[in-house]
PDB file of N, CA and C in Angstrom:
ATOM      1  N   UNK A   1     -69.873 -87.214  95.305  1.00  0.00           N
ATOM      2  CA  UNK A   1     -71.058 -87.054  94.820  1.00  0.00           C
ATOM      3  C   UNK A   1     -72.161 -87.782  95.679  1.00  0.00           C
ATOM      4  N   UNK A   2     -73.365 -87.273  95.829  1.00  0.00           N
ATOM      5  CA  UNK A   2     -74.368 -88.041  96.462  1.00  0.00           C
ATOM      6  C   UNK A   2     -75.027 -88.883  95.526  1.00  0.00           C
ATOM      7  N   UNK A   3     -75.799 -89.906  96.048  1.00  0.00           N
ATOM      8  CA  UNK A   3     -76.601 -90.757  95.117  1.00  0.00           C
ATOM      9  C   UNK A   3     -77.654 -89.934  94.550  1.00  0.00           C
ATOM     10  N   UNK A   4     -77.922 -90.100  93.103  1.00  0.00           N
ATOM     11  CA  UNK A   4     -78.904 -89.373  92.460  1.00  0.00           C
ATOM     12  C   UNK A   4     -80.065 -90.358  92.186  1.00  0.00           C
ATOM     13  N   UNK A   5     -81.146 -90.193  92.618  1.00  0.00           N
ATOM     14  CA  UNK A   5     -82.294 -90.924  92.210  1.00  0.00           C
ATOM     15  C   UNK A   5     -82.678 -90.714  90.836  1.00  0.00           C
ATOM     16  N   UNK A   6     -83.321 -91.754  90.234  1.00  0.00           N
ATOM     17  CA  UNK A   6     -83.784 -91.683  88.900  1.00  0.00           C
ATOM     18  C   UNK A   6     -84.736 -90.513  88.744  1.00  0.00           C
ATOM     19  N   UNK A   7     -84.467 -89.734  87.766  1.00  0.00           N
ATOM     20  CA  UNK A   7     -85.325 -88.659  87.367  1.00  0.00           C
ATOM     21  C   UNK A   7     -85.312 -88.171  85.937  1.00  0.00           C
ATOM     22  N   UNK A   8     -86.297 -87.655  85.462  1.00  0.00           N
ATOM     23  CA  UNK A   8     -86.520 -87.161  84.153  1.00  0.00           C
ATOM     24  C   UNK A   8     -86.096 -85.791  84.145  1.00  0.00           C
ATOM     25  N   UNK A   9     -85.412 -85.342  83.107  1.00  0.00           N
ATOM     26  CA  UNK A   9     -84.961 -83.877  83.070  1.00  0.00           C
ATOM     27  C   UNK A   9     -85.770 -83.304  81.766  1.00  0.00           C
ATOM     28  N   UNK A  10     -86.565 -82.427  82.055  1.00  0.00           N
ATOM     29  CA  UNK A  10     -87.332 -81.647  80.945  1.00  0.00           C
ATOM     30  C   UNK A  10     -86.614 -80.406  80.726  1.00  0.00           C
ATOM     31  N   UNK A  11     -85.657 -80.390  79.768  1.00  0.00           N
ATOM     32  CA  UNK A  11     -84.812 -79.237  79.401  1.00  0.00           C
ATOM     33  C   UNK A  11     -85.799 -77.996  78.982  1.00  0.00           C
ATOM     34  N   UNK A  12     -86.976 -78.281  78.481  1.00  0.00           N
ATOM     35  CA  UNK A  12     -87.825 -77.168  78.138  1.00  0.00           C
ATOM     36  C   UNK A  12     -88.333 -76.404  79.299  1.00  0.00           C
ATOM     37  N   UNK A  13     -88.275 -77.013  80.550  1.00  0.00           N
ATOM     38  CA  UNK A  13     -88.716 -76.287  81.747  1.00  0.00           C
ATOM     39  C   UNK A  13     -87.680 -75.674  82.424  1.00  0.00           C
ATOM     40  N   UNK A  14     -86.336 -75.704  82.001  1.00  0.00           N
ATOM     41  CA  UNK A  14     -85.203 -75.080  82.697  1.00  0.00           C
ATOM     42  C   UNK A  14     -84.892 -73.783  81.998  1.00  0.00           C
ATOM     43  N   UNK A  15     -84.861 -72.839  82.883  1.00  0.00           N
ATOM     44  CA  UNK A  15     -84.498 -71.379  82.329  1.00  0.00           C
ATOM     45  C   UNK A  15     -83.254 -71.324  81.630  1.00  0.00           C
ATOM     46  N   UNK A  16     -83.215 -70.556  80.545  1.00  0.00           N
ATOM     47  CA  UNK A  16     -81.965 -70.296  79.889  1.00  0.00           C
ATOM     48  C   UNK A  16     -81.306 -68.920  80.355  1.00  0.00           C
ATOM     49  N   UNK A  17     -80.117 -69.036  80.847  1.00  0.00           N
ATOM     50  CA  UNK A  17     -79.381 -67.953  81.287  1.00  0.00           C
ATOM     51  C   UNK A  17     -78.361 -67.451  80.291  1.00  0.00           C
ATOM     52  N   UNK A  18     -78.309 -66.169  80.037  1.00  0.00           N
ATOM     53  CA  UNK A  18     -77.435 -65.672  78.938  1.00  0.00           C
ATOM     54  C   UNK A  18     -76.265 -65.126  79.558  1.00  0.00           C
ATOM     55  N   UNK A  19     -75.045 -65.555  78.876  1.00  0.00           N
ATOM     56  CA  UNK A  19     -73.797 -65.191  79.291  1.00  0.00           C
ATOM     57  C   UNK A  19     -73.037 -64.616  78.067  1.00  0.00           C
ATOM     58  N   UNK A  20     -72.582 -63.383  78.174  1.00  0.00           N
ATOM     59  CA  UNK A  20     -71.755 -62.663  77.008  1.00  0.00           C
ATOM     60  C   UNK A  20     -70.443 -63.238  76.859  1.00  0.00           C
ATOM     61  N   UNK A  21     -70.162 -63.443  75.487  1.00  0.00           N
ATOM     62  CA  UNK A  21     -68.774 -63.902  75.228  1.00  0.00           C
ATOM     63  C   UNK A  21     -67.922 -62.728  74.857  1.00  0.00           C
ATOM     64  N   UNK A  22     -66.711 -62.837  74.435  1.00  0.00           N
ATOM     65  CA  UNK A  22     -66.001 -61.788  73.831  1.00  0.00           C
ATOM     66  C   UNK A  22     -66.769 -61.203  72.786  1.00  0.00           C
ATOM     67  N   UNK A  23     -67.304 -62.171  71.878  1.00  0.00           N
ATOM     68  CA  UNK A  23     -68.301 -61.771  70.851  1.00  0.00           C
ATOM     69  C   UNK A  23     -69.434 -62.759  71.024  1.00  0.00           C
ATOM     70  N   UNK A  24     -70.675 -62.432  70.675  1.00  0.00           N
ATOM     71  CA  UNK A  24     -71.884 -63.424  70.757  1.00  0.00           C
ATOM     72  C   UNK A  24     -72.212 -63.634  72.237  1.00  0.00           C
ATOM     73  N   UNK A  25     -73.190 -64.605  72.415  1.00  0.00           N
ATOM     74  CA  UNK A  25     -73.604 -64.935  73.687  1.00  0.00           C
ATOM     75  C   UNK A  25     -73.633 -66.497  73.788  1.00  0.00           C
ATOM     76  N   UNK A  26     -73.692 -66.978  74.949  1.00  0.00           N
ATOM     77  CA  UNK A  26     -73.969 -68.346  75.315  1.00  0.00           C
ATOM     78  C   UNK A  26     -75.249 -68.464  76.122  1.00  0.00           C
ATOM     79  N   UNK A  27     -76.087 -69.478  75.831  1.00  0.00           N
ATOM     80  CA  UNK A  27     -77.211 -69.691  76.655  1.00  0.00           C
ATOM     81  C   UNK A  27     -77.012 -70.955  77.435  1.00  0.00           C
ATOM     82  N   UNK A  28     -77.196 -70.956  78.786  1.00  0.00           N
ATOM     83  CA  UNK A  28     -76.884 -72.135  79.589  1.00  0.00           C
ATOM     84  C   UNK A  28     -78.237 -72.562  80.184  1.00  0.00           C
ATOM     85  N   UNK A  29     -78.556 -73.725  80.180  1.00  0.00           N
ATOM     86  CA  UNK A  29     -79.549 -74.365  81.027  1.00  0.00           C
ATOM     87  C   UNK A  29     -78.804 -75.450  81.921  1.00  0.00           C
ATOM     88  N   UNK A  30     -78.950 -75.240  83.230  1.00  0.00           N
ATOM     89  CA  UNK A  30     -78.171 -75.967  84.204  1.00  0.00           C
ATOM     90  C   UNK A  30     -78.830 -76.768  85.257  1.00  0.00           C
ATOM     91  N   UNK A  31     -78.341 -78.007  85.371  1.00  0.00           N
ATOM     92  CA  UNK A  31     -78.872 -78.867  86.510  1.00  0.00           C
ATOM     93  C   UNK A  31     -77.593 -79.054  87.424  1.00  0.00           C
ATOM     94  N   UNK A  32     -77.782 -78.727  88.715  1.00  0.00           N
ATOM     95  CA  UNK A  32     -76.632 -78.853  89.580  1.00  0.00           C
ATOM     96  C   UNK A  32     -76.993 -79.845  90.695  1.00  0.00           C
ATOM     97  N   UNK A  33     -76.004 -80.643  90.791  1.00  0.00           N
ATOM     98  CA  UNK A  33     -76.095 -81.723  91.971  1.00  0.00           C
ATOM     99  C   UNK A  33     -74.764 -81.570  92.787  1.00  0.00           C
ATOM    100  N   UNK A  34     -74.615 -82.121  93.932  1.00  0.00           N
ATOM    101  CA  UNK A  34     -73.345 -82.052  94.643  1.00  0.00           C
ATOM    102  C   UNK A  34     -72.279 -82.628  93.890  1.00  0.00           C
ATOM    103  N   UNK A  35     -71.259 -81.858  93.473  1.00  0.00           N
ATOM    104  CA  UNK A  35     -70.131 -82.319  92.740  1.00  0.00           C
ATOM    105  C   UNK A  35     -70.447 -82.756  91.251  1.00  0.00           C
ATOM    106  N   UNK A  36     -71.601 -82.350  90.701  1.00  0.00           N
ATOM    107  CA  UNK A  36     -71.914 -82.686  89.393  1.00  0.00           C
ATOM    108  C   UNK A  36     -72.743 -81.589  88.808  1.00  0.00           C
ATOM    109  N   UNK A  37     -72.394 -81.090  87.559  1.00  0.00           N
ATOM    110  CA  UNK A  37     -73.160 -80.070  86.914  1.00  0.00           C
ATOM    111  C   UNK A  37     -73.356 -80.649  85.497  1.00  0.00           C
ATOM    112  N   UNK A  38     -74.619 -80.572  84.998  1.00  0.00           N
ATOM    113  CA  UNK A  38     -75.062 -81.003  83.582  1.00  0.00           C
ATOM    114  C   UNK A  38     -75.693 -79.803  83.054  1.00  0.00           C
ATOM    115  N   UNK A  39     -75.227 -79.438  81.841  1.00  0.00           N
ATOM    116  CA  UNK A  39     -75.741 -78.215  81.086  1.00  0.00           C
ATOM    117  C   UNK A  39     -76.067 -78.547  79.595  1.00  0.00           C
ATOM    118  N   UNK A  40     -77.102 -77.906  79.067  1.00  0.00           N
ATOM    119  CA  UNK A  40     -77.229 -77.707  77.684  1.00  0.00           C
ATOM    120  C   UNK A  40     -76.824 -76.327  77.400  1.00  0.00           C
ATOM    121  N   UNK A  41     -75.847 -76.067  76.550  1.00  0.00           N
ATOM    122  CA  UNK A  41     -75.289 -74.801  76.239  1.00  0.00           C
ATOM    123  C   UNK A  41     -75.414 -74.596  74.690  1.00  0.00           C
ATOM    124  N   UNK A  42     -75.945 -73.481  74.302  1.00  0.00           N
ATOM    125  CA  UNK A  42     -76.006 -73.027  73.058  1.00  0.00           C
ATOM    126  C   UNK A  42     -75.158 -71.755  72.705  1.00  0.00           C
ATOM    127  N   UNK A  43     -74.191 -71.812  71.813  1.00  0.00           N
ATOM    128  CA  UNK A  43     -73.532 -70.673  71.466  1.00  0.00           C
ATOM    129  C   UNK A  43     -74.142 -69.959  70.270  1.00  0.00           C
ATOM    130  N   UNK A  44     -74.309 -68.620  70.180  1.00  0.00           N
ATOM    131  CA  UNK A  44     -74.781 -67.943  69.072  1.00  0.00           C
ATOM    132  C   UNK A  44     -73.818 -67.969  67.843  1.00  0.00           C
ATOM    133  N   UNK A  45     -74.421 -67.458  66.803  1.00  0.00           N
ATOM    134  CA  UNK A  45     -73.510 -67.261  65.642  1.00  0.00           C
ATOM    135  C   UNK A  45     -72.408 -66.309  66.065  1.00  0.00           C
ATOM    136  N   UNK A  46     -71.199 -66.467  65.655  1.00  0.00           N
ATOM    137  CA  UNK A  46     -70.085 -65.529  65.964  1.00  0.00           C
ATOM    138  C   UNK A  46     -69.715 -65.473  67.489  1.00  0.00           C
ATOM    139  N   UNK A  47     -69.966 -66.631  68.229  1.00  0.00           N
ATOM    140  CA  UNK A  47     -69.529 -66.703  69.605  1.00  0.00           C
ATOM    141  C   UNK A  47     -68.078 -66.908  69.741  1.00  0.00           C
ATOM    142  N   UNK A  48     -67.443 -66.225  70.652  1.00  0.00           N
ATOM    143  CA  UNK A  48     -66.089 -66.379  71.135  1.00  0.00           C
ATOM    144  C   UNK A  48     -66.051 -66.242  72.581  1.00  0.00           C
ATOM    145  N   UNK A  49     -65.524 -67.341  73.341  1.00  0.00           N
ATOM    146  CA  UNK A  49     -65.424 -67.211  74.830  1.00  0.00           C
ATOM    147  C   UNK A  49     -64.570 -65.927  75.219  1.00  0.00           C
ATOM    148  N   UNK A  50     -64.887 -65.417  76.348  1.00  0.00           N
ATOM    149  CA  UNK A  50     -64.213 -64.225  76.828  1.00  0.00           C
ATOM    150  C   UNK A  50     -63.149 -64.713  77.775  1.00  0.00           C
ATOM    151  N   UNK A  51     -62.717 -65.935  77.994  1.00  0.00           N
ATOM    152  CA  UNK A  51     -61.776 -66.405  78.974  1.00  0.00           C
ATOM    153  C   UNK A  51     -61.266 -67.801  78.508  1.00  0.00           C
ATOM    154  N   UNK A  52     -60.035 -68.133  79.030  1.00  0.00           N
ATOM    155  CA  UNK A  52     -59.505 -69.364  78.823  1.00  0.00           C
ATOM    156  C   UNK A  52     -59.928 -70.262  80.028  1.00  0.00           C
ATOM    157  N   UNK A  53     -60.472 -71.448  79.831  1.00  0.00           N
ATOM    158  CA  UNK A  53     -61.063 -72.277  80.783  1.00  0.00           C
ATOM    159  C   UNK A  53     -59.982 -73.436  81.099  1.00  0.00           C
ATOM    160  N   UNK A  54     -59.965 -73.750  82.387  1.00  0.00           N
ATOM    161  CA  UNK A  54     -59.003 -74.884  82.739  1.00  0.00           C
ATOM    162  C   UNK A  54     -59.849 -75.972  83.401  1.00  0.00           C
ATOM    163  N   UNK A  55     -61.023 -75.794  83.531  1.00  0.00           N
ATOM    164  CA  UNK A  55     -61.984 -76.847  84.196  1.00  0.00           C
ATOM    165  C   UNK A  55     -61.987 -78.006  83.178  1.00  0.00           C
ATOM    166  N   UNK A  56     -62.255 -79.222  83.818  1.00  0.00           N
ATOM    167  CA  UNK A  56     -62.529 -80.339  83.128  1.00  0.00           C
ATOM    168  C   UNK A  56     -63.915 -80.493  82.588  1.00  0.00           C
ATOM    169  N   UNK A  57     -64.236 -81.126  81.432  1.00  0.00           N
ATOM    170  CA  UNK A  57     -65.524 -81.179  80.951  1.00  0.00           C
ATOM    171  C   UNK A  57     -65.597 -82.524  80.192  1.00  0.00           C
ATOM    172  N   UNK A  58     -66.789 -82.938  80.029  1.00  0.00           N
ATOM    173  CA  UNK A  58     -67.269 -83.935  78.969  1.00  0.00           C
ATOM    174  C   UNK A  58     -68.200 -83.050  78.032  1.00  0.00           C
ATOM    175  N   UNK A  59     -67.795 -82.964  76.806  1.00  0.00           N
ATOM    176  CA  UNK A  59     -68.711 -82.105  75.970  1.00  0.00           C
ATOM    177  C   UNK A  59     -68.985 -82.903  74.682  1.00  0.00           C
ATOM    178  N   UNK A  60     -70.473 -82.999  74.499  1.00  0.00           N
ATOM    179  CA  UNK A  60     -70.944 -83.638  73.369  1.00  0.00           C
ATOM    180  C   UNK A  60     -71.856 -82.718  72.459  1.00  0.00           C
ATOM    181  N   UNK A  61     -71.441 -82.678  71.243  1.00  0.00           N
ATOM    182  CA  UNK A  61     -72.091 -81.807  70.279  1.00  0.00           C
ATOM    183  C   UNK A  61     -73.406 -82.395  69.843  1.00  0.00           C
ATOM    184  N   UNK A  62     -74.487 -81.708  70.092  1.00  0.00           N
ATOM    185  CA  UNK A  62     -75.870 -82.146  69.772  1.00  0.00           C
ATOM    186  C   UNK A  62     -76.217 -81.608  68.454  1.00  0.00           C
ATOM    187  N   UNK A  63     -75.831 -80.360  68.217  1.00  0.00           N
ATOM    188  CA  UNK A  63     -76.188 -79.801  66.804  1.00  0.00           C
ATOM    189  C   UNK A  63     -75.173 -78.747  66.430  1.00  0.00           C
ATOM    190  N   UNK A  64     -74.806 -78.696  65.142  1.00  0.00           N
ATOM    191  CA  UNK A  64     -73.909 -77.715  64.594  1.00  0.00           C
ATOM    192  C   UNK A  64     -72.439 -78.102  64.897  1.00  0.00           C
ATOM    193  N   UNK A  65     -71.606 -77.092  64.940  1.00  0.00           N
ATOM    194  CA  UNK A  65     -70.170 -77.300  65.022  1.00  0.00           C
ATOM    195  C   UNK A  65     -69.474 -76.176  65.733  1.00  0.00           C
ATOM    196  N   UNK A  66     -68.424 -76.458  66.432  1.00  0.00           N
ATOM    197  CA  UNK A  66     -67.667 -75.362  66.990  1.00  0.00           C
ATOM    198  C   UNK A  66     -66.162 -75.826  67.079  1.00  0.00           C
ATOM    199  N   UNK A  67     -65.309 -74.864  67.311  1.00  0.00           N
ATOM    200  CA  UNK A  67     -63.790 -75.074  67.576  1.00  0.00           C
ATOM    201  C   UNK A  67     -63.562 -74.843  69.052  1.00  0.00           C
ATOM    202  N   UNK A  68     -62.783 -75.883  69.632  1.00  0.00           N
ATOM    203  CA  UNK A  68     -62.235 -75.701  70.954  1.00  0.00           C
ATOM    204  C   UNK A  68     -60.703 -75.340  70.694  1.00  0.00           C
ATOM    205  N   UNK A  69     -60.479 -74.122  70.958  1.00  0.00           N
ATOM    206  CA  UNK A  69     -59.118 -73.534  70.791  1.00  0.00           C
ATOM    207  C   UNK A  69     -58.310 -73.815  72.075  1.00  0.00           C
ATOM    208  N   UNK A  70     -57.200 -74.574  72.046  1.00  0.00           N
ATOM    209  CA  UNK A  70     -56.208 -74.781  73.058  1.00  0.00           C
ATOM    210  C   UNK A  70     -55.224 -73.575  73.131  1.00  0.00           C
ATOM    211  N   UNK A  71     -54.741 -73.411  74.305  1.00  0.00           N
ATOM    212  CA  UNK A  71     -53.790 -72.344  74.501  1.00  0.00           C
ATOM    213  C   UNK A  71     -52.430 -72.566  73.725  1.00  0.00           C
ATOM    214  N   UNK A  72     -52.269 -73.928  73.416  1.00  0.00           N
ATOM    215  CA  UNK A  72     -50.997 -74.276  72.704  1.00  0.00           C
ATOM    216  C   UNK A  72     -51.156 -73.877  71.188  1.00  0.00           C
ATOM    217  N   UNK A  73     -52.333 -73.387  70.822  1.00  0.00           N
ATOM    218  CA  UNK A  73     -52.531 -72.990  69.401  1.00  0.00           C
ATOM    219  C   UNK A  73     -53.267 -74.013  68.597  1.00  0.00           C
ATOM    220  N   UNK A  74     -53.384 -75.244  69.169  1.00  0.00           N
ATOM    221  CA  UNK A  74     -54.220 -76.415  68.462  1.00  0.00           C
ATOM    222  C   UNK A  74     -55.737 -76.045  68.494  1.00  0.00           C
ATOM    223  N   UNK A  75     -56.369 -76.273  67.470  1.00  0.00           N
ATOM    224  CA  UNK A  75     -57.818 -76.089  67.370  1.00  0.00           C
ATOM    225  C   UNK A  75     -58.412 -77.424  67.034  1.00  0.00           C
ATOM    226  N   UNK A  76     -59.537 -77.846  67.903  1.00  0.00           N
ATOM    227  CA  UNK A  76     -60.121 -79.075  67.674  1.00  0.00           C
ATOM    228  C   UNK A  76     -61.564 -78.833  67.290  1.00  0.00           C
ATOM    229  N   UNK A  77     -61.951 -79.269  66.253  1.00  0.00           N
ATOM    230  CA  UNK A  77     -63.298 -78.980  65.659  1.00  0.00           C
ATOM    231  C   UNK A  77     -64.194 -80.174  66.102  1.00  0.00           C
ATOM    232  N   UNK A  78     -65.393 -79.806  66.728  1.00  0.00           N
ATOM    233  CA  UNK A  78     -66.377 -80.774  67.069  1.00  0.00           C
ATOM    234  C   UNK A  78     -67.579 -80.568  66.278  1.00  0.00           C
ATOM    235  N   UNK A  79     -68.159 -81.588  65.662  1.00  0.00           N
ATOM    236  CA  UNK A  79     -69.390 -81.488  64.995  1.00  0.00           C
ATOM    237  C   UNK A  79     -70.396 -82.437  65.592  1.00  0.00           C
ATOM    238  N   UNK A  80     -71.637 -82.338  65.149  1.00  0.00           N
ATOM    239  CA  UNK A  80     -72.792 -83.123  65.652  1.00  0.00           C
ATOM    240  C   UNK A  80     -72.400 -84.525  65.833  1.00  0.00           C
ATOM    241  N   UNK A  81     -72.647 -85.192  67.047  1.00  0.00           N
ATOM    242  CA  UNK A  81     -72.259 -86.494  67.336  1.00  0.00           C
ATOM    243  C   UNK A  81     -70.985 -86.810  67.794  1.00  0.00           C
ATOM    244  N   UNK A  82     -70.070 -85.699  67.770  1.00  0.00           N
ATOM    245  CA  UNK A  82     -68.769 -85.907  68.394  1.00  0.00           C
ATOM    246  C   UNK A  82     -68.611 -85.405  69.866  1.00  0.00           C
ATOM    247  N   UNK A  83     -67.566 -85.798  70.595  1.00  0.00           N
ATOM    248  CA  UNK A  83     -67.453 -85.500  71.983  1.00  0.00           C
ATOM    249  C   UNK A  83     -65.987 -85.258  72.326  1.00  0.00           C
ATOM    250  N   UNK A  84     -65.645 -84.554  73.364  1.00  0.00           N
ATOM    251  CA  UNK A  84     -64.277 -84.557  73.951  1.00  0.00           C
ATOM    252  C   UNK A  84     -64.383 -84.595  75.402  1.00  0.00           C
ATOM    253  N   UNK A  85     -63.332 -85.012  75.941  1.00  0.00           N
ATOM    254  CA  UNK A  85     -63.209 -85.207  77.591  1.00  0.00           C
ATOM    255  C   UNK A  85     -61.900 -84.630  77.875  1.00  0.00           C
ATOM    256  N   UNK A  86     -61.741 -83.857  78.974  1.00  0.00           N
ATOM    257  CA  UNK A  86     -60.502 -83.371  79.600  1.00  0.00           C
ATOM    258  C   UNK A  86     -60.652 -83.194  81.073  1.00  0.00           C
ATOM    259  N   UNK A  87     -59.669 -83.486  81.872  1.00  0.00           N
ATOM    260  CA  UNK A  87     -59.765 -83.351  83.381  1.00  0.00           C
ATOM    261  C   UNK A  87     -59.327 -81.953  83.691  1.00  0.00           C
ATOM    262  N   UNK A  88     -59.675 -81.485  84.883  1.00  0.00           N
ATOM    263  CA  UNK A  88     -59.340 -80.079  85.413  1.00  0.00           C
ATOM    264  C   UNK A  88     -57.794 -79.953  85.211  1.00  0.00           C
ATOM    265  N   UNK A  89     -57.400 -78.664  84.927  1.00  0.00           N
ATOM    266  CA  UNK A  89     -55.978 -78.176  84.931  1.00  0.00           C
ATOM    267  C   UNK A  89     -55.049 -78.889  83.913  1.00  0.00           C
ATOM    268  N   UNK A  90     -55.624 -79.736  83.033  1.00  0.00           N
ATOM    269  CA  UNK A  90     -54.862 -80.334  82.067  1.00  0.00           C
ATOM    270  C   UNK A  90     -54.804 -79.643  80.650  1.00  0.00           C
ATOM    271  N   UNK A  91     -55.553 -78.605  80.492  1.00  0.00           N
ATOM    272  CA  UNK A  91     -55.666 -77.934  79.269  1.00  0.00           C
ATOM    273  C   UNK A  91     -56.363 -76.497  79.389  1.00  0.00           C
ATOM    274  N   UNK A  92     -55.724 -75.418  78.823  1.00  0.00           N
ATOM    275  CA  UNK A  92     -56.410 -74.242  78.693  1.00  0.00           C
ATOM    276  C   UNK A  92     -57.093 -74.209  77.482  1.00  0.00           C
ATOM    277  N   UNK A  93     -58.460 -73.929  77.449  1.00  0.00           N
ATOM    278  CA  UNK A  93     -59.190 -74.045  76.272  1.00  0.00           C
ATOM    279  C   UNK A  93     -60.280 -72.976  76.190  1.00  0.00           C
ATOM    280  N   UNK A  94     -60.763 -72.598  75.036  1.00  0.00           N
ATOM    281  CA  UNK A  94     -61.813 -71.712  74.906  1.00  0.00           C
ATOM    282  C   UNK A  94     -62.648 -72.083  73.603  1.00  0.00           C
ATOM    283  N   UNK A  95     -63.893 -71.811  73.624  1.00  0.00           N
ATOM    284  CA  UNK A  95     -64.894 -71.991  72.522  1.00  0.00           C
ATOM    285  C   UNK A  95     -64.966 -70.960  71.559  1.00  0.00           C
ATOM    286  N   UNK A  96     -65.033 -71.277  70.212  1.00  0.00           N
ATOM    287  CA  UNK A  96     -65.227 -70.346  69.173  1.00  0.00           C
ATOM    288  C   UNK A  96     -66.358 -71.010  68.221  1.00  0.00           C
ATOM    289  N   UNK A  97     -67.316 -70.198  67.869  1.00  0.00           N
ATOM    290  CA  UNK A  97     -68.439 -70.807  67.107  1.00  0.00           C
ATOM    291  C   UNK A  97     -68.867 -69.802  65.987  1.00  0.00           C
ATOM    292  N   UNK A  98     -68.838 -70.236  64.832  1.00  0.00           N
ATOM    293  CA  UNK A  98     -69.069 -69.401  63.654  1.00  0.00           C
ATOM    294  C   UNK A  98     -70.669 -69.278  63.415  1.00  0.00           C
ATOM    295  N   UNK A  99     -71.272 -70.564  63.427  1.00  0.00           N
ATOM    296  CA  UNK A  99     -72.619 -70.519  62.942  1.00  0.00           C
ATOM    297  C   UNK A  99     -73.735 -71.119  63.961  1.00  0.00           C
ATOM    298  N   UNK A 100     -73.181 -71.081  65.280  1.00  0.00           N
ATOM    299  CA  UNK A 100     -74.209 -71.498  66.381  1.00  0.00           C
ATOM    300  C   UNK A 100     -73.988 -73.076  66.476  1.00  0.00           C
ATOM    301  N   UNK A 101     -74.237 -73.494  67.723  1.00  0.00           N
ATOM    302  CA  UNK A 101     -74.013 -74.856  68.167  1.00  0.00           C
ATOM    303  C   UNK A 101     -74.820 -75.125  69.413  1.00  0.00           C
ATOM    304  N   UNK A 102     -75.252 -76.404  69.601  1.00  0.00           N
ATOM    305  CA  UNK A 102     -75.848 -76.803  70.877  1.00  0.00           C
ATOM    306  C   UNK A 102     -75.014 -77.989  71.425  1.00  0.00           C
ATOM    307  N   UNK A 103     -74.745 -77.844  72.656  1.00  0.00           N
ATOM    308  CA  UNK A 103     -73.907 -78.934  73.414  1.00  0.00           C
ATOM    309  C   UNK A 103     -74.495 -79.404  74.713  1.00  0.00           C
ATOM    310  N   UNK A 104     -74.169 -80.682  75.028  1.00  0.00           N
ATOM    311  CA  UNK A 104     -74.427 -81.112  76.244  1.00  0.00           C
ATOM    312  C   UNK A 104     -73.042 -81.261  77.047  1.00  0.00           C
ATOM    313  N   UNK A 105     -72.914 -80.530  78.207  1.00  0.00           N
ATOM    314  CA  UNK A 105     -71.701 -80.464  78.861  1.00  0.00           C
ATOM    315  C   UNK A 105     -71.913 -80.937  80.274  1.00  0.00           C
ATOM    316  N   UNK A 106     -71.010 -81.972  80.701  1.00  0.00           N
ATOM    317  CA  UNK A 106     -71.046 -82.416  81.987  1.00  0.00           C
ATOM    318  C   UNK A 106     -69.684 -82.259  82.665  1.00  0.00           C
ATOM    319  N   UNK A 107     -69.692 -81.755  83.834  1.00  0.00           N
ATOM    320  CA  UNK A 107     -68.453 -81.567  84.700  1.00  0.00           C
ATOM    321  C   UNK A 107     -68.712 -81.759  86.123  1.00  0.00           C
ATOM    322  N   UNK A 108     -67.656 -81.958  86.823  1.00  0.00           N
ATOM    323  CA  UNK A 108     -67.731 -82.097  88.218  1.00  0.00           C
ATOM    324  C   UNK A 108     -66.543 -82.696  88.897  1.00  0.00           C
ATOM    325  N   UNK A 109     -66.718 -82.992  90.206  1.00  0.00           N
ATOM    326  CA  UNK A 109     -65.493 -83.488  90.919  1.00  0.00           C
ATOM    327  C   UNK A 109     -64.866 -84.666  90.360  1.00  0.00           C
ATOM    328  N   UNK A 110     -65.638 -85.567  89.564  1.00  0.00           N
ATOM    329  CA  UNK A 110     -64.863 -86.679  89.039  1.00  0.00           C
ATOM    330  C   UNK A 110     -63.783 -86.328  88.089  1.00  0.00           C
ATOM    331  N   UNK A 111     -63.719 -85.083  87.458  1.00  0.00           N
ATOM    332  CA  UNK A 111     -62.758 -84.709  86.587  1.00  0.00           C
ATOM    333  C   UNK A 111     -61.559 -83.976  87.244  1.00  0.00           C
ATOM    334  N   UNK A 112     -61.579 -83.961  88.594  1.00  0.00           N
ATOM    335  CA  UNK A 112     -60.478 -83.159  89.226  1.00  0.00           C
ATOM    336  C   UNK A 112     -59.194 -84.075  88.926  1.00  0.00           C
ATOM    337  N   UNK A 113     -58.161 -83.236  88.838  1.00  0.00           N
ATOM    338  CA  UNK A 113     -56.805 -83.777  88.538  1.00  0.00           C
ATOM    339  C   UNK A 113     -56.038 -84.066  89.831  1.00  0.00           C
TER     340      UNK A 113
END
């Protein structure tokens, strides 16, 4: 990663991009640096991811709750104020959200396995 100078991020000025899930939609606001991505992600009511993800993430729940389903069958519920972290290629996971959620997600080269 390059050095990142001090900067304020005004999330209200960052465009929301819509991604369709298997059901529902996800809204992403993304800041991209070399080797680092920071996102505010909102899942709609009834959201279910359309793929299994193997990327590493730091995920912090800002509002609401959701389930991170692991390919092993385990389900991890995150609620407001809780976080999880996983490195690349160490878990196949996907998100399921019944009533909407707002997340801060950070990922990048530092999570490579």
